[in-house]
PDB file of N, CA and C in Angstrom:
ATOM      1  N   MET A   1       4.125  -1.183 -12.561  1.00  0.00           N
ATOM      2  CA  MET A   1       4.150   0.070 -13.497  1.00  0.00           C
ATOM      3  C   MET A   1       3.140   0.713 -13.922  1.00  0.00           C
ATOM      4  N   ILE A   2       2.781   1.983 -13.833  1.00  0.00           N
ATOM      5  CA  ILE A   2       1.473   2.251 -14.645  1.00  0.00           C
ATOM      6  C   ILE A   2       1.559   2.191 -16.039  1.00  0.00           C
ATOM      7  N   ASP A   3       0.421   1.306 -16.407  1.00  0.00           N
ATOM      8  CA  ASP A   3       0.137   1.401 -18.180  1.00  0.00           C
ATOM      9  C   ASP A   3      -0.850   2.051 -18.510  1.00  0.00           C
ATOM     10  N   GLN A   4      -2.020   2.694 -17.714  1.00  0.00           N
ATOM     11  CA  GLN A   4      -2.711   3.484 -18.178  1.00  0.00           C
ATOM     12  C   GLN A   4      -3.493   4.485 -16.999  1.00  0.00           C
ATOM     13  N   LEU A   5      -3.924   5.566 -17.402  1.00  0.00           N
ATOM     14  CA  LEU A   5      -4.436   6.409 -15.990  1.00  0.00           C
ATOM     15  C   LEU A   5      -5.989   6.720 -16.228  1.00  0.00           C
ATOM     16  N   GLY A   6      -6.644   6.636 -15.415  1.00  0.00           N
ATOM     17  CA  GLY A   6      -8.423   6.617 -15.694  1.00  0.00           C
ATOM     18  C   GLY A   6      -8.605   8.390 -15.651  1.00  0.00           C
ATOM     19  N   PRO A   7      -9.522   8.538 -16.254  1.00  0.00           N
ATOM     20  CA  PRO A   7      -9.917  10.272 -16.070  1.00  0.00           C
ATOM     21  C   PRO A   7     -10.200  10.696 -14.768  1.00  0.00           C
ATOM     22  N   GLY A   8      -9.561  11.913 -14.661  1.00  0.00           N
ATOM     23  CA  GLY A   8      -9.376  12.606 -13.517  1.00  0.00           C
ATOM     24  C   GLY A   8      -8.369  12.110 -12.204  1.00  0.00           C
ATOM     25  N   THR A   9      -7.438  11.451 -13.146  1.00  0.00           N
ATOM     26  CA  THR A   9      -6.260  10.929 -12.008  1.00  0.00           C
ATOM     27  C   THR A   9      -5.428  12.178 -11.785  1.00  0.00           C
ATOM     28  N   ASP A  10      -4.934  12.442 -10.717  1.00  0.00           N
ATOM     29  CA  ASP A  10      -4.162  13.458 -10.355  1.00  0.00           C
ATOM     30  C   ASP A  10      -2.783  13.561 -11.003  1.00  0.00           C
ATOM     31  N   ASP A  11      -2.159  14.390 -10.828  1.00  0.00           N
ATOM     32  CA  ASP A  11      -0.852  14.560 -11.376  1.00  0.00           C
ATOM     33  C   ASP A  11       0.245  13.851 -10.477  1.00  0.00           C
ATOM     34  N   ARG A  12       0.144  13.503  -9.421  1.00  0.00           N
ATOM     35  CA  ARG A  12       1.186  12.847  -8.591  1.00  0.00           C
ATOM     36  C   ARG A  12       1.679  11.455  -9.392  1.00  0.00           C
ATOM     37  N   LEU A  13       0.627  10.682 -10.216  1.00  0.00           N
ATOM     38  CA  LEU A  13       0.707   9.658 -10.992  1.00  0.00           C
ATOM     39  C   LEU A  13       1.220   9.736 -12.514  1.00  0.00           C
ATOM     40  N   ALA A  14       2.206   8.883 -12.841  1.00  0.00           N
ATOM     41  CA  ALA A  14       2.301   9.181 -14.435  1.00  0.00           C
ATOM     42  C   ALA A  14       2.422   7.952 -15.215  1.00  0.00           C
ATOM     43  N   LEU A  15       2.274   7.876 -16.252  1.00  0.00           N
ATOM     44  CA  LEU A  15       2.289   6.901 -17.057  1.00  0.00           C
ATOM     45  C   LEU A  15       3.913   6.304 -16.924  1.00  0.00           C
ATOM     46  N   GLY A  16       4.361   4.708 -16.772  1.00  0.00           N
ATOM     47  CA  GLY A  16       5.485   4.245 -16.895  1.00  0.00           C
ATOM     48  C   GLY A  16       5.885   4.393 -15.523  1.00  0.00           C
ATOM     49  N   GLN A  17       5.443   4.978 -14.283  1.00  0.00           N
ATOM     50  CA  GLN A  17       5.871   5.069 -12.921  1.00  0.00           C
ATOM     51  C   GLN A  17       5.735   3.749 -12.054  1.00  0.00           C
ATOM     52  N   ARG A  18       6.920   3.386 -11.751  1.00  0.00           N
ATOM     53  CA  ARG A  18       6.789   2.318 -10.648  1.00  0.00           C
ATOM     54  C   ARG A  18       5.948   2.555  -9.446  1.00  0.00           C
ATOM     55  N   VAL A  19       4.858   1.965  -9.014  1.00  0.00           N
ATOM     56  CA  VAL A  19       4.161   2.102  -7.886  1.00  0.00           C
ATOM     57  C   VAL A  19       3.906   0.949  -7.035  1.00  0.00           C
ATOM     58  N   VAL A  20       3.356   1.113  -6.227  1.00  0.00           N
ATOM     59  CA  VAL A  20       2.847  -0.128  -5.285  1.00  0.00           C
ATOM     60  C   VAL A  20       1.406   0.515  -4.622  1.00  0.00           C
ATOM     61  N   ALA A  21       0.676  -0.601  -4.643  1.00  0.00           N
ATOM     62  CA  ALA A  21      -0.822  -0.200  -4.492  1.00  0.00           C
ATOM     63  C   ALA A  21      -1.404  -1.560  -3.259  1.00  0.00           C
ATOM     64  N   MET A  22      -2.335  -1.128  -2.527  1.00  0.00           N
ATOM     65  CA  MET A  22      -2.965  -1.788  -1.644  1.00  0.00           C
ATOM     66  C   MET A  22      -3.968  -2.742  -2.305  1.00  0.00           C
ATOM     67  N   VAL A  23      -3.787  -3.847  -2.629  1.00  0.00           N
ATOM     68  CA  VAL A  23      -4.975  -4.467  -3.623  1.00  0.00           C
ATOM     69  C   VAL A  23      -5.699  -5.649  -2.480  1.00  0.00           C
ATOM     70  N   LEU A  24      -6.880  -5.709  -2.453  1.00  0.00           N
ATOM     71  CA  LEU A  24      -7.379  -6.838  -1.641  1.00  0.00           C
ATOM     72  C   LEU A  24      -7.681  -7.913  -2.497  1.00  0.00           C
ATOM     73  N   PHE A  25      -7.748  -9.058  -1.839  1.00  0.00           N
ATOM     74  CA  PHE A  25      -8.160 -10.408  -2.537  1.00  0.00           C
ATOM     75  C   PHE A  25      -9.566 -10.587  -3.231  1.00  0.00           C
ATOM     76  N   THR A  26     -10.267  -9.854  -2.710  1.00  0.00           N
ATOM     77  CA  THR A  26     -11.830  -9.942  -3.247  1.00  0.00           C
ATOM     78  C   THR A  26     -12.344  -8.486  -3.534  1.00  0.00           C
ATOM     79  N   GLY A  27     -13.464  -8.583  -3.984  1.00  0.00           N
ATOM     80  CA  GLY A  27     -14.014  -7.449  -3.902  1.00  0.00           C
ATOM     81  C   GLY A  27     -13.789  -6.835  -5.790  1.00  0.00           C
ATOM     82  N   PRO A  28     -14.415  -5.509  -6.046  1.00  0.00           N
ATOM     83  CA  PRO A  28     -14.309  -5.194  -7.382  1.00  0.00           C
ATOM     84  C   PRO A  28     -13.058  -4.873  -7.814  1.00  0.00           C
ATOM     85  N   HIS A  29     -11.976  -4.662  -7.002  1.00  0.00           N
ATOM     86  CA  HIS A  29     -10.876  -4.396  -7.284  1.00  0.00           C
ATOM     87  C   HIS A  29      -9.789  -5.456  -6.892  1.00  0.00           C
ATOM     88  N   GLY A  30     -10.130  -6.451  -6.653  1.00  0.00           N
ATOM     89  CA  GLY A  30      -9.435  -7.868  -6.416  1.00  0.00           C
ATOM     90  C   GLY A  30      -8.227  -7.999  -7.417  1.00  0.00           C
ATOM     91  N   GLY A  31      -7.605  -9.347  -6.861  1.00  0.00           N
ATOM     92  CA  GLY A  31      -6.671  -9.878  -7.875  1.00  0.00           C
ATOM     93  C   GLY A  31      -5.165  -9.507  -7.445  1.00  0.00           C
ATOM     94  N   ALA A  32      -4.777  -9.458  -5.867  1.00  0.00           N
ATOM     95  CA  ALA A  32      -3.636  -9.187  -5.556  1.00  0.00           C
ATOM     96  C   ALA A  32      -2.464  -9.922  -6.209  1.00  0.00           C
ATOM     97  N   TYR A  33      -2.741 -11.379  -6.673  1.00  0.00           N
ATOM     98  CA  TYR A  33      -1.696 -12.027  -7.323  1.00  0.00           C
ATOM     99  C   TYR A  33      -1.861 -12.014  -8.847  1.00  0.00           C
ATOM    100  N   ALA A  34      -2.478 -11.054  -9.449  1.00  0.00           N
ATOM    101  CA  ALA A  34      -2.814 -10.800 -10.826  1.00  0.00           C
ATOM    102  C   ALA A  34      -1.375 -10.079 -11.556  1.00  0.00           C
ATOM    103  N   GLU A  35      -1.162 -10.447 -12.784  1.00  0.00           N
ATOM    104  CA  GLU A  35       0.248  -9.575 -13.061  1.00  0.00           C
ATOM    105  C   GLU A  35      -0.381  -8.117 -13.586  1.00  0.00           C
ATOM    106  N   GLN A  36      -1.646  -7.863 -13.744  1.00  0.00           N
ATOM    107  CA  GLN A  36      -1.880  -6.253 -14.008  1.00  0.00           C
ATOM    108  C   GLN A  36      -3.262  -6.119 -13.349  1.00  0.00           C
ATOM    109  N   VAL A  37      -3.526  -4.911 -12.667  1.00  0.00           N
ATOM    110  CA  VAL A  37      -4.835  -5.042 -11.817  1.00  0.00           C
ATOM    111  C   VAL A  37      -5.113  -3.450 -12.046  1.00  0.00           C
ATOM    112  N   VAL A  38      -6.469  -3.158 -11.890  1.00  0.00           N
ATOM    113  CA  VAL A  38      -7.060  -1.750 -11.855  1.00  0.00           C
ATOM    114  C   VAL A  38      -7.280  -1.762 -10.464  1.00  0.00           C
ATOM    115  N   VAL A  39      -7.029  -0.300 -10.120  1.00  0.00           N
ATOM    116  CA  VAL A  39      -7.349   0.179  -8.692  1.00  0.00           C
ATOM    117  C   VAL A  39      -7.362   1.492  -8.754  1.00  0.00           C
ATOM    118  N   PRO A  40      -8.195   2.156  -7.733  1.00  0.00           N
ATOM    119  CA  PRO A  40      -8.350   3.406  -7.434  1.00  0.00           C
ATOM    120  C   PRO A  40      -7.039   4.081  -7.028  1.00  0.00           C
ATOM    121  N   ALA A  41      -6.904   5.424  -7.585  1.00  0.00           N
ATOM    122  CA  ALA A  41      -5.675   5.926  -7.479  1.00  0.00           C
ATOM    123  C   ALA A  41      -5.254   6.294  -6.039  1.00  0.00           C
ATOM    124  N   ALA A  42      -6.280   6.308  -5.227  1.00  0.00           N
ATOM    125  CA  ALA A  42      -5.907   6.713  -3.980  1.00  0.00           C
ATOM    126  C   ALA A  42      -5.337   5.453  -3.224  1.00  0.00           C
ATOM    127  N   SER A  43      -5.296   4.333  -3.621  1.00  0.00           N
ATOM    128  CA  SER A  43      -4.586   2.973  -3.208  1.00  0.00           C
ATOM    129  C   SER A  43      -3.164   2.734  -3.645  1.00  0.00           C
ATOM    130  N   VAL A  44      -2.991   4.078  -4.449  1.00  0.00           N
ATOM    131  CA  VAL A  44      -1.383   3.880  -5.317  1.00  0.00           C
ATOM    132  C   VAL A  44      -0.534   4.614  -4.891  1.00  0.00           C
ATOM    133  N   VAL A  45       0.560   4.368  -4.429  1.00  0.00           N
ATOM    134  CA  VAL A  45       1.733   5.342  -3.938  1.00  0.00           C
ATOM    135  C   VAL A  45       3.093   4.853  -4.749  1.00  0.00           C
ATOM    136  N   PRO A  46       3.870   5.947  -5.217  1.00  0.00           N
ATOM    137  CA  PRO A  46       4.857   5.724  -5.746  1.00  0.00           C
ATOM    138  C   PRO A  46       5.813   4.827  -5.062  1.00  0.00           C
ATOM    139  N   ALA A  47       6.780   3.777  -5.744  1.00  0.00           N
ATOM    140  CA  ALA A  47       7.744   2.806  -5.343  1.00  0.00           C
ATOM    141  C   ALA A  47       8.671   3.752  -4.950  1.00  0.00           C
ATOM    142  N   PRO A  48       9.165   3.594  -3.791  1.00  0.00           N
ATOM    143  CA  PRO A  48      10.655   4.096  -3.398  1.00  0.00           C
ATOM    144  C   PRO A  48      11.659   4.037  -4.233  1.00  0.00           C
ATOM    145  N   GLU A  49      12.197   5.039  -4.605  1.00  0.00           N
ATOM    146  CA  GLU A  49      13.746   5.093  -5.190  1.00  0.00           C
ATOM    147  C   GLU A  49      14.746   3.831  -4.506  1.00  0.00           C
ATOM    148  N   GLY A  50      15.231   3.332  -5.072  1.00  0.00           N
ATOM    149  CA  GLY A  50      16.374   2.404  -4.805  1.00  0.00           C
ATOM    150  C   GLY A  50      15.949   1.268  -4.041  1.00  0.00           C
ATOM    151  N   THR A  51      14.618   0.755  -4.091  1.00  0.00           N
ATOM    152  CA  THR A  51      14.170  -0.489  -3.826  1.00  0.00           C
ATOM    153  C   THR A  51      13.873  -1.444  -5.108  1.00  0.00           C
ATOM    154  N   ASP A  52      14.172  -2.648  -4.787  1.00  0.00           N
ATOM    155  CA  ASP A  52      13.661  -3.500  -5.928  1.00  0.00           C
ATOM    156  C   ASP A  52      12.248  -3.646  -5.953  1.00  0.00           C
ATOM    157  N   SER A  53      11.715  -4.532  -6.780  1.00  0.00           N
ATOM    158  CA  SER A  53      10.252  -4.704  -6.973  1.00  0.00           C
ATOM    159  C   SER A  53       9.553  -5.553  -5.711  1.00  0.00           C
ATOM    160  N   PRO A  54      10.548  -6.758  -5.343  1.00  0.00           N
ATOM    161  CA  PRO A  54      10.119  -7.506  -4.266  1.00  0.00           C
ATOM    162  C   PRO A  54       9.850  -6.780  -2.834  1.00  0.00           C
ATOM    163  N   ALA A  55      10.994  -6.049  -2.730  1.00  0.00           N
ATOM    164  CA  ALA A  55      10.863  -4.874  -1.444  1.00  0.00           C
ATOM    165  C   ALA A  55       9.952  -4.143  -1.299  1.00  0.00           C
ATOM    166  N   ALA A  56       9.719  -3.521  -2.367  1.00  0.00           N
ATOM    167  CA  ALA A  56       8.461  -2.417  -2.788  1.00  0.00           C
ATOM    168  C   ALA A  56       7.196  -2.924  -2.368  1.00  0.00           C
ATOM    169  N   ALA A  57       7.060  -4.081  -2.955  1.00  0.00           N
ATOM    170  CA  ALA A  57       5.760  -4.819  -2.897  1.00  0.00           C
ATOM    171  C   ALA A  57       5.523  -5.417  -1.619  1.00  0.00           C
ATOM    172  N   THR A  58       6.187  -5.185  -0.431  1.00  0.00           N
ATOM    173  CA  THR A  58       6.062  -5.726   0.830  1.00  0.00           C
ATOM    174  C   THR A  58       5.644  -4.408   1.629  1.00  0.00           C
ATOM    175  N   LEU A  59       6.213  -3.390   1.150  1.00  0.00           N
ATOM    176  CA  LEU A  59       5.924  -2.009   2.336  1.00  0.00           C
ATOM    177  C   LEU A  59       4.526  -1.602   2.705  1.00  0.00           C
ATOM    178  N   LEU A  60       3.513  -1.623   1.721  1.00  0.00           N
ATOM    179  CA  LEU A  60       2.290  -1.391   2.482  1.00  0.00           C
ATOM    180  C   LEU A  60       1.657  -2.230   3.195  1.00  0.00           C
ATOM    181  N   MET A  61       1.824  -3.729   3.131  1.00  0.00           N
ATOM    182  CA  MET A  61       1.429  -4.669   3.936  1.00  0.00           C
ATOM    183  C   MET A  61       2.190  -4.450   5.498  1.00  0.00           C
ATOM    184  N   ASN A  62       3.456  -4.312   5.219  1.00  0.00           N
ATOM    185  CA  ASN A  62       4.372  -3.963   6.335  1.00  0.00           C
ATOM    186  C   ASN A  62       3.809  -2.847   7.327  1.00  0.00           C
ATOM    187  N   ALA A  63       3.427  -1.962   6.629  1.00  0.00           N
ATOM    188  CA  ALA A  63       2.927  -0.483   7.023  1.00  0.00           C
ATOM    189  C   ALA A  63       1.583  -0.886   7.856  1.00  0.00           C
ATOM    190  N   MET A  64       0.683  -1.495   7.237  1.00  0.00           N
ATOM    191  CA  MET A  64      -0.251  -1.917   7.733  1.00  0.00           C
ATOM    192  C   MET A  64      -0.399  -2.682   8.907  1.00  0.00           C
ATOM    193  N   THR A  65       0.595  -3.797   9.104  1.00  0.00           N
ATOM    194  CA  THR A  65       0.464  -4.423  10.221  1.00  0.00           C
ATOM    195  C   THR A  65       1.174  -3.701  11.327  1.00  0.00           C
ATOM    196  N   ALA A  66       2.038  -2.886  10.988  1.00  0.00           N
ATOM    197  CA  ALA A  66       2.765  -2.078  12.237  1.00  0.00           C
ATOM    198  C   ALA A  66       1.309  -1.133  12.674  1.00  0.00           C
ATOM    199  N   ARG A  67       0.613  -0.254  11.697  1.00  0.00           N
ATOM    200  CA  ARG A  67      -0.462   0.539  12.279  1.00  0.00           C
ATOM    201  C   ARG A  67      -1.544  -0.391  12.758  1.00  0.00           C
ATOM    202  N   LEU A  68      -1.931  -1.575  12.692  1.00  0.00           N
ATOM    203  CA  LEU A  68      -2.662  -2.352  13.431  1.00  0.00           C
ATOM    204  C   LEU A  68      -2.194  -2.867  14.646  1.00  0.00           C
ATOM    205  N   ALA A  69      -0.920  -3.009  14.946  1.00  0.00           N
ATOM    206  CA  ALA A  69      -0.156  -3.267  16.110  1.00  0.00           C
ATOM    207  C   ALA A  69      -0.012  -2.001  17.034  1.00  0.00           C
ATOM    208  N   LEU A  70      -0.175  -0.921  16.310  1.00  0.00           N
ATOM    209  CA  LEU A  70       0.132   0.340  17.195  1.00  0.00           C
ATOM    210  C   LEU A  70      -1.472   0.765  17.965  1.00  0.00           C
ATOM    211  N   ASP A  71      -2.435   0.691  16.819  1.00  0.00           N
ATOM    212  CA  ASP A  71      -3.668   0.759  17.221  1.00  0.00           C
ATOM    213  C   ASP A  71      -4.254   0.078  18.239  1.00  0.00           C
ATOM    214  N   THR A  72      -3.925  -1.320  18.170  1.00  0.00           N
ATOM    215  CA  THR A  72      -4.269  -2.314  19.312  1.00  0.00           C
ATOM    216  C   THR A  72      -3.581  -2.000  20.589  1.00  0.00           C
ATOM    217  N   LEU A  73      -2.340  -1.711  20.552  1.00  0.00           N
ATOM    218  CA  LEU A  73      -1.690  -1.338  21.845  1.00  0.00           C
ATOM    219  C   LEU A  73      -1.741   0.076  22.397  1.00  0.00           C
ATOM    220  N   ALA A  74      -2.264   0.809  21.483  1.00  0.00           N
ATOM    221  CA  ALA A  74      -2.436   2.348  22.041  1.00  0.00           C
ATOM    222  C   ALA A  74      -3.059   2.312  23.355  1.00  0.00           C
ATOM    223  N   GLY A  75      -4.330   1.726  23.520  1.00  0.00           N
ATOM    224  CA  GLY A  75      -5.038   1.742  24.874  1.00  0.00           C
ATOM    225  C   GLY A  75      -4.740   0.934  26.010  1.00  0.00           C
ATOM    226  N   ARG A  76      -3.582   0.302  25.628  1.00  0.00           N
ATOM    227  CA  ARG A  76      -3.032  -0.560  26.949  1.00  0.00           C
ATOM    228  C   ARG A  76      -1.700   0.259  27.354  1.00  0.00           C
ATOM    229  N   CYS A  77      -1.015   0.778  26.578  1.00  0.00           N
ATOM    230  CA  CYS A  77       0.298   1.231  26.799  1.00  0.00           C
ATOM    231  C   CYS A  77       0.394   2.496  27.935  1.00  0.00           C
ATOM    232  N   ARG A  78       1.270   2.242  28.806  1.00  0.00           N
ATOM    233  CA  ARG A  78       1.499   3.458  29.833  1.00  0.00           C
ATOM    234  C   ARG A  78       2.950   3.774  29.750  1.00  0.00           C
ATOM    235  N   VAL A  79       3.605   4.956  30.239  1.00  0.00           N
ATOM    236  CA  VAL A  79       4.576   5.304  29.960  1.00  0.00           C
ATOM    237  C   VAL A  79       5.517   4.571  31.113  1.00  0.00           C
ATOM    238  N   GLY A  80       6.328   4.063  31.011  1.00  0.00           N
ATOM    239  CA  GLY A  80       7.239   3.096  31.586  1.00  0.00           C
ATOM    240  C   GLY A  80       6.670   1.648  32.016  1.00  0.00           C
ATOM    241  N   ARG A  81       5.590   1.165  31.267  1.00  0.00           N
ATOM    242  CA  ARG A  81       4.881   0.002  31.689  1.00  0.00           C
ATOM    243  C   ARG A  81       4.805  -0.836  30.248  1.00  0.00           C
ATOM    244  N   LEU A  82       4.973  -2.065  30.045  1.00  0.00           N
ATOM    245  CA  LEU A  82       4.714  -2.775  28.795  1.00  0.00           C
ATOM    246  C   LEU A  82       3.303  -3.347  29.053  1.00  0.00           C
ATOM    247  N   PRO A  83       2.449  -3.666  27.939  1.00  0.00           N
ATOM    248  CA  PRO A  83       1.059  -3.940  28.197  1.00  0.00           C
ATOM    249  C   PRO A  83       0.987  -5.314  28.873  1.00  0.00           C
ATOM    250  N   GLN A  84      -0.205  -5.711  29.366  1.00  0.00           N
ATOM    251  CA  GLN A  84      -0.262  -7.033  30.110  1.00  0.00           C
ATOM    252  C   GLN A  84      -0.900  -7.958  29.272  1.00  0.00           C
TER     253      GLN A  84
END
């Protein structure tokens, strides 16, 4: 949930809004296991309506995993053939 917004944050985010964010374990914006984090607005998306917090928290990592798999396989897939 958004507690504060930094200067220049666009209007797609609002105080009190349920959100999920891609938070790295290290670096200036680290702390994925923290109760509160400060992250760039570009790393934040609204939590989907109807999802509970544990489910919403997994969405970005699952999406990144799927994207990595598709990127990895893209050069090896052919129509009608599975990658070797």
